[in-house]
Amino acid sequence: MNFDYQFPYTSTRLPLFARNVVSTSHPLAAQAGLRMMLKGGNAVDAAIAAAAVITLTEPVSCGLGSDAFAILWDGQELHGLNSSGPAPATWTPEYFHRKYGAETKTPPKRGFDSVTVPGAVAGWVALSERFGKLPFADLLEP
């Protein structure tokens, strides 16, 4: 089936066919990802560099205090990453029973006791170590 260039919707977006494409919501982040590709990096390196730049250009979208999730195909196998941060070590059932009453079954949905440790940077490191080609410090250079 051939691609139909007669797009029936009014849109400024056009199809793009290329290699080494980095797509982000901010041009500086896309440029950072492309720089990693030009340095010999792979898609994981580009994604980490782009995500790091987004923490500065759009901090409400992806901040250092956020979490990271990834689904990655390495050419042979599918891998998943859940880098949502862990709960603080002091958050035991006893802690919540003592603070909120013995009938409490789950942590609160709001307030300080609902916040976990950020996991984004740990996720980037894990992805870089397992799948990246460039040194982690290079990914943060842009």
Protein backbone atom coordinates (compact mmCIF):
# COMPACT_ATOMS: atom_id res chain seq x y z
CA MET A 1 0.00 0.00 0.00
CA ASN A 2 1.44 3.36 -1.02
CA PHE A 3 1.30 6.37 1.25
CA ASP A 4 -1.43 8.85 0.32
CA TYR A 5 0.00 12.35 0.30
CA GLN A 6 -3.46 13.84 -0.19
CA PHE A 7 -4.07 14.38 3.51
CA PRO A 8 -7.82 15.07 3.94
CA TYR A 9 -7.48 17.13 7.14
CA THR A 10 -6.52 20.76 7.52
CA SER A 11 -3.21 20.57 9.30
CA THR A 12 0.25 22.08 9.08
CA ARG A 13 1.83 18.72 9.91
CA LEU A 14 3.25 16.76 7.02
CA PRO A 15 4.58 13.21 6.91
CA LEU A 16 8.33 12.92 7.38
CA PHE A 17 10.41 10.04 6.11
CA ALA A 18 14.00 10.04 7.39
CA ARG A 19 16.58 8.32 9.51
CA ASN A 20 17.75 9.61 12.87
CA VAL A 21 14.65 11.61 13.69
CA VAL A 22 14.23 13.04 17.18
CA SER A 23 10.76 14.34 17.93
CA THR A 24 10.07 16.46 21.01
CA SER A 25 7.79 19.28 22.04
CA HIS A 26 10.70 21.76 22.07
CA PRO A 27 13.24 22.37 19.29
CA LEU A 28 16.22 22.63 21.67
CA ALA A 29 15.46 19.19 23.06
CA ALA A 30 15.23 17.75 19.55
CA GLN A 31 18.57 19.34 18.71
CA ALA A 32 20.16 17.81 21.82
CA GLY A 33 18.95 14.38 20.76
CA LEU A 34 20.25 14.84 17.24
CA ARG A 35 23.63 15.93 18.63
CA MET A 36 23.87 12.59 20.42
CA MET A 37 23.11 10.76 17.17
CA LEU A 38 25.82 12.77 15.41
CA LYS A 39 28.29 11.80 18.16
CA GLY A 40 27.62 8.13 17.41
CA GLY A 41 24.92 7.57 19.98
CA ASN A 42 21.73 5.60 19.53
CA ALA A 43 18.04 6.30 20.11
CA VAL A 44 18.36 5.74 23.87
CA ASP A 45 21.18 8.30 24.09
CA ALA A 46 19.10 10.76 22.05
CA ALA A 47 16.01 10.24 24.20
CA ILE A 48 17.93 10.82 27.44
CA ALA A 49 19.59 13.99 26.12
CA ALA A 50 16.24 15.28 24.88
CA ALA A 51 14.52 14.50 28.18
CA ALA A 52 17.28 16.28 30.10
CA VAL A 53 16.84 19.42 27.99
CA ILE A 54 13.06 19.31 28.44
CA THR A 55 13.63 19.62 32.22
CA LEU A 56 14.93 23.13 31.47
CA THR A 57 12.76 24.21 28.56
CA GLU A 58 9.47 22.73 29.81
CA PRO A 59 9.98 21.88 33.49
CA VAL A 60 6.27 21.28 34.04
CA SER A 61 6.32 18.53 31.41
CA CYS A 62 9.38 16.60 32.52
CA GLY A 63 11.29 17.73 35.58
CA LEU A 64 14.19 16.27 37.50
CA GLY A 65 11.69 15.60 40.25
CA SER A 66 9.56 13.39 38.03
CA ASP A 67 9.44 9.71 37.17
CA ALA A 68 10.38 7.92 33.95
CA PHE A 69 8.79 5.07 32.04
CA ALA A 70 10.03 3.40 28.87
CA ILE A 71 9.15 0.61 26.50
CA LEU A 72 12.16 -0.30 24.37
CA TRP A 73 12.69 -2.75 21.53
CA ASP A 74 16.36 -3.77 21.20
CA GLY A 75 15.85 -5.56 17.90
CA GLN A 76 15.25 -8.93 19.54
CA GLU A 77 13.33 -8.39 22.73
CA LEU A 78 10.91 -5.92 24.31
CA HIS A 79 12.03 -4.25 27.55
CA GLY A 80 10.05 -2.15 29.99
CA LEU A 81 11.24 0.34 32.59
CA ASN A 82 9.20 1.62 35.51
CA SER A 83 11.32 4.24 37.18
CA SER A 84 8.66 5.69 39.39
CA GLY A 85 10.42 6.64 42.55
CA PRO A 86 10.30 4.51 45.65
CA ALA A 87 8.49 5.51 48.81
CA PRO A 88 10.64 6.75 51.68
CA ALA A 89 11.98 3.96 53.92
CA THR A 90 10.07 5.25 56.93
CA TRP A 91 6.71 4.73 55.23
CA THR A 92 5.64 1.56 56.92
CA PRO A 93 2.06 0.52 57.65
CA GLU A 94 2.75 1.41 61.28
CA TYR A 95 3.74 4.96 60.29
CA PHE A 96 0.41 5.53 58.51
CA HIS A 97 -1.61 3.83 61.27
CA ARG A 98 0.07 6.02 63.87
CA LYS A 99 -0.40 9.23 61.88
CA TYR A 100 -3.85 8.65 60.32
CA GLY A 101 -5.47 6.06 62.54
CA ALA A 102 -5.47 2.28 62.74
CA GLU A 103 -8.32 1.95 60.23
CA THR A 104 -6.12 3.48 57.46
CA LYS A 105 -5.56 0.95 54.67
CA THR A 106 -3.77 3.12 52.07
CA PRO A 107 -1.50 6.18 52.06
CA PRO A 108 -3.19 9.56 51.53
CA LYS A 109 -3.80 10.83 48.00
CA ARG A 110 -2.68 14.41 48.78
CA GLY A 111 -0.10 16.14 50.92
CA PHE A 112 3.48 15.39 51.88
CA ASP A 113 2.76 11.76 52.74
CA SER A 114 1.72 11.08 49.13
CA VAL A 115 5.04 12.10 47.54
CA THR A 116 7.61 9.53 46.41
CA VAL A 117 11.32 9.92 45.72
CA PRO A 118 11.82 11.12 42.10
CA GLY A 119 12.95 8.34 39.76
CA ALA A 120 13.59 10.02 36.38
CA VAL A 121 17.35 10.41 36.65
CA ALA A 122 17.80 6.88 38.01
CA GLY A 123 15.78 5.63 35.03
CA TRP A 124 17.97 7.56 32.61
CA VAL A 125 21.09 6.06 34.18
CA ALA A 126 19.65 2.54 34.00
CA LEU A 127 18.72 2.95 30.33
CA SER A 128 22.09 4.46 29.50
CA GLU A 129 24.05 1.70 31.23
CA ARG A 130 22.09 -1.09 29.60
CA PHE A 131 21.32 0.24 26.12
CA GLY A 132 23.27 3.47 25.53
CA LYS A 133 26.47 3.85 23.56
CA LEU A 134 27.78 7.18 24.85
CA PRO A 135 29.04 8.06 28.35
CA PHE A 136 26.22 9.37 30.55
CA ALA A 137 28.00 12.69 31.12
CA ASP A 138 27.96 13.33 27.35
CA LEU A 139 24.17 12.98 27.31
CA LEU A 140 23.81 15.89 29.73
CA GLU A 141 26.25 18.14 27.87
CA PRO A 142 23.63 20.00 25.78
